[in-house]
Protein backbone atom coordinates (compact mmCIF):
# COMPACT_ATOMS: atom_id res chain seq x y z
CA UNK A 1 178.07 64.42 -57.84
CA UNK A 2 180.62 62.26 -55.98
CA UNK A 3 179.24 58.64 -55.87
CA UNK A 4 178.88 57.23 -52.16
CA UNK A 5 181.91 55.59 -50.48
CA UNK A 6 182.77 54.16 -46.88
CA UNK A 7 185.66 56.38 -45.31
CA UNK A 8 188.06 54.11 -43.26
CA UNK A 9 190.49 55.76 -40.86
CA UNK A 10 193.89 54.17 -40.85
CA UNK A 11 195.96 54.95 -37.70
CA UNK A 12 199.21 53.30 -39.07
CA UNK A 13 200.87 52.44 -42.28
CA UNK A 14 200.32 48.74 -41.07
CA UNK A 15 196.55 49.44 -40.91
CA UNK A 16 196.62 51.15 -44.34
CA UNK A 17 198.30 48.29 -46.03
CA UNK A 18 195.96 45.71 -44.36
CA UNK A 19 192.87 47.37 -45.48
CA UNK A 20 194.37 47.73 -49.08
CA UNK A 21 194.89 44.05 -49.15
CA UNK A 22 191.61 43.09 -47.71
CA UNK A 23 189.51 45.55 -49.96
CA UNK A 24 191.77 45.25 -53.24
CA UNK A 25 190.59 47.39 -56.10
CA UNK A 26 187.58 48.65 -54.18
CA UNK A 27 189.65 50.88 -52.18
CA UNK A 28 191.62 53.99 -52.84
CA UNK A 29 194.36 55.87 -50.34
CA UNK A 30 192.89 59.38 -49.45
CA UNK A 31 194.88 62.08 -47.95
CA UNK A 32 194.23 65.71 -49.05
CA UNK A 33 192.02 64.67 -51.79
CA UNK A 34 192.34 67.34 -54.05
CA UNK A 35 192.81 65.38 -57.13
CA UNK A 36 191.12 62.25 -56.30
CA UNK A 37 187.84 63.75 -55.32
CA UNK A 38 187.85 65.60 -58.62
CA UNK A 39 188.39 62.28 -60.34
CA UNK A 40 185.80 60.78 -58.14
CA UNK A 41 183.10 63.48 -59.04
CA UNK A 42 183.77 63.06 -62.73
CA UNK A 43 183.54 59.26 -62.63
CA UNK A 44 187.02 58.99 -63.98
CA UNK A 45 187.83 56.47 -60.95
CA UNK A 46 185.62 54.59 -58.77
CA UNK A 47 185.90 53.38 -55.19
CA UNK A 48 183.67 51.99 -52.63
CA UNK A 49 186.25 52.81 -49.99
CA UNK A 50 188.50 55.55 -49.23
CA UNK A 51 191.31 54.84 -46.67
CA UNK A 52 192.39 58.00 -44.97
CA UNK A 53 195.86 58.23 -44.14
CA UNK A 54 195.91 61.85 -43.01
CA UNK A 55 196.40 60.95 -39.21
CA UNK A 56 199.39 58.57 -39.40
CA UNK A 57 202.18 60.50 -37.73
CA UNK A 58 205.24 59.48 -39.86
CA UNK A 59 203.31 60.43 -43.03
CA UNK A 60 203.10 63.85 -41.99
CA UNK A 61 206.40 64.58 -40.74
CA UNK A 62 209.46 66.49 -42.01
CA UNK A 63 212.68 64.84 -40.39
CA UNK A 64 216.32 66.00 -41.03
CA UNK A 65 219.01 63.50 -40.64
CA UNK A 66 222.69 63.22 -41.65
CA UNK A 67 222.41 66.00 -44.04
CA UNK A 68 219.16 64.84 -45.99
CA UNK A 69 215.51 65.34 -45.17
CA UNK A 70 212.61 62.65 -44.95
CA UNK A 71 209.48 64.14 -46.30
CA UNK A 72 206.27 62.44 -45.49
CA UNK A 73 203.55 61.60 -48.19
CA UNK A 74 200.97 63.39 -46.16
CA UNK A 75 202.86 66.67 -45.91
CA UNK A 76 200.93 69.60 -47.47
CA UNK A 77 202.46 72.13 -49.84
CA UNK A 78 201.85 74.59 -47.44
CA UNK A 79 203.97 72.95 -44.95
CA UNK A 80 206.70 72.62 -47.42
CA UNK A 81 206.65 76.39 -48.22
CA UNK A 82 206.73 77.42 -44.32
CA UNK A 83 208.52 74.57 -42.43
CA UNK A 84 211.68 75.97 -40.86
CA UNK A 85 213.63 72.68 -41.83
CA UNK A 86 212.60 72.99 -45.72
CA UNK A 87 213.44 76.69 -45.71
CA UNK A 88 216.89 76.27 -44.15
CA UNK A 89 217.95 73.08 -46.11
CA UNK A 90 215.97 72.97 -49.24
CA UNK A 91 215.14 76.92 -49.78
CA UNK A 92 214.46 76.42 -53.53
CA UNK A 93 211.65 73.91 -52.48
CA UNK A 94 210.13 76.16 -50.04
CA UNK A 95 210.10 79.01 -52.88
CA UNK A 96 208.83 76.62 -55.52
CA UNK A 97 205.96 75.49 -52.94
CA UNK A 98 204.88 78.84 -52.68
CA UNK A 99 204.00 78.76 -56.43
CA UNK A 100 201.75 75.93 -56.22
CA UNK A 101 197.99 76.80 -57.17
CA UNK A 102 196.52 78.79 -54.41
CA UNK A 103 196.47 78.72 -50.62
CA UNK A 104 193.81 76.61 -50.37
CA UNK A 105 195.25 73.85 -52.75
CA UNK A 106 198.63 74.24 -50.82
CA UNK A 107 196.65 73.78 -47.50
CA UNK A 108 195.12 70.76 -48.43
CA UNK A 109 197.24 68.91 -51.20
CA UNK A 110 199.98 66.86 -50.28
CA UNK A 111 203.30 65.73 -51.58
CA UNK A 112 202.21 62.19 -52.10
CA UNK A 113 198.97 63.05 -53.83
CA UNK A 114 201.19 65.30 -56.15
CA UNK A 115 203.57 62.38 -56.71
CA UNK A 116 200.70 59.87 -57.37
CA UNK A 117 198.60 61.90 -59.76
CA UNK A 118 200.79 64.47 -61.26
CA UNK A 119 198.18 65.80 -63.69
CA UNK A 120 199.10 69.27 -64.71
CA UNK A 121 201.25 69.92 -61.58
CA UNK A 122 204.48 67.46 -61.90
CA UNK A 123 206.57 69.84 -59.66
CA UNK A 124 207.30 67.46 -56.93
CA UNK A 125 208.70 64.93 -59.81
CA UNK A 126 210.84 67.57 -61.41
CA UNK A 127 212.19 68.94 -58.42
CA UNK A 128 212.42 65.69 -56.71
CA UNK A 129 214.66 64.52 -59.37
CA UNK A 130 217.04 67.72 -59.13
CA UNK A 131 217.45 67.37 -55.53
CA UNK A 132 217.77 63.62 -55.64
CA UNK A 133 214.31 62.35 -54.61
CA UNK A 134 214.11 58.58 -53.29
CA UNK A 135 210.72 57.34 -52.42
CA UNK A 136 210.20 54.92 -49.58
CA UNK A 137 209.64 54.36 -46.01
């Protein structure tokens, strides 16, 4: 059973950062939740607050510019699998994403979650290194 927590909706990255500063170690970032909710359920992490970043527009976007692609942390594996920009510019990523877990996990799990938790599935890290992944805003 997942212990009770309060869900805080962040509407911008500034909101999320402000809440993290205010709440400190009592808060965790939540987006897709596929890994985090399992860890909470098994008491491997504790959190009184989850800061939901799913609705922050720039974190859910894929933007091509100058021969590169900027992918937000809240972009799901399913989106990476099916997005026309990814399929055109990074077809190996789109193909690899089609092999991640199952459709439910691909539809909920995010690139950011995969990079943060990794666990058994380090696909984003390994593939990202091959394609010159850089983390940042």
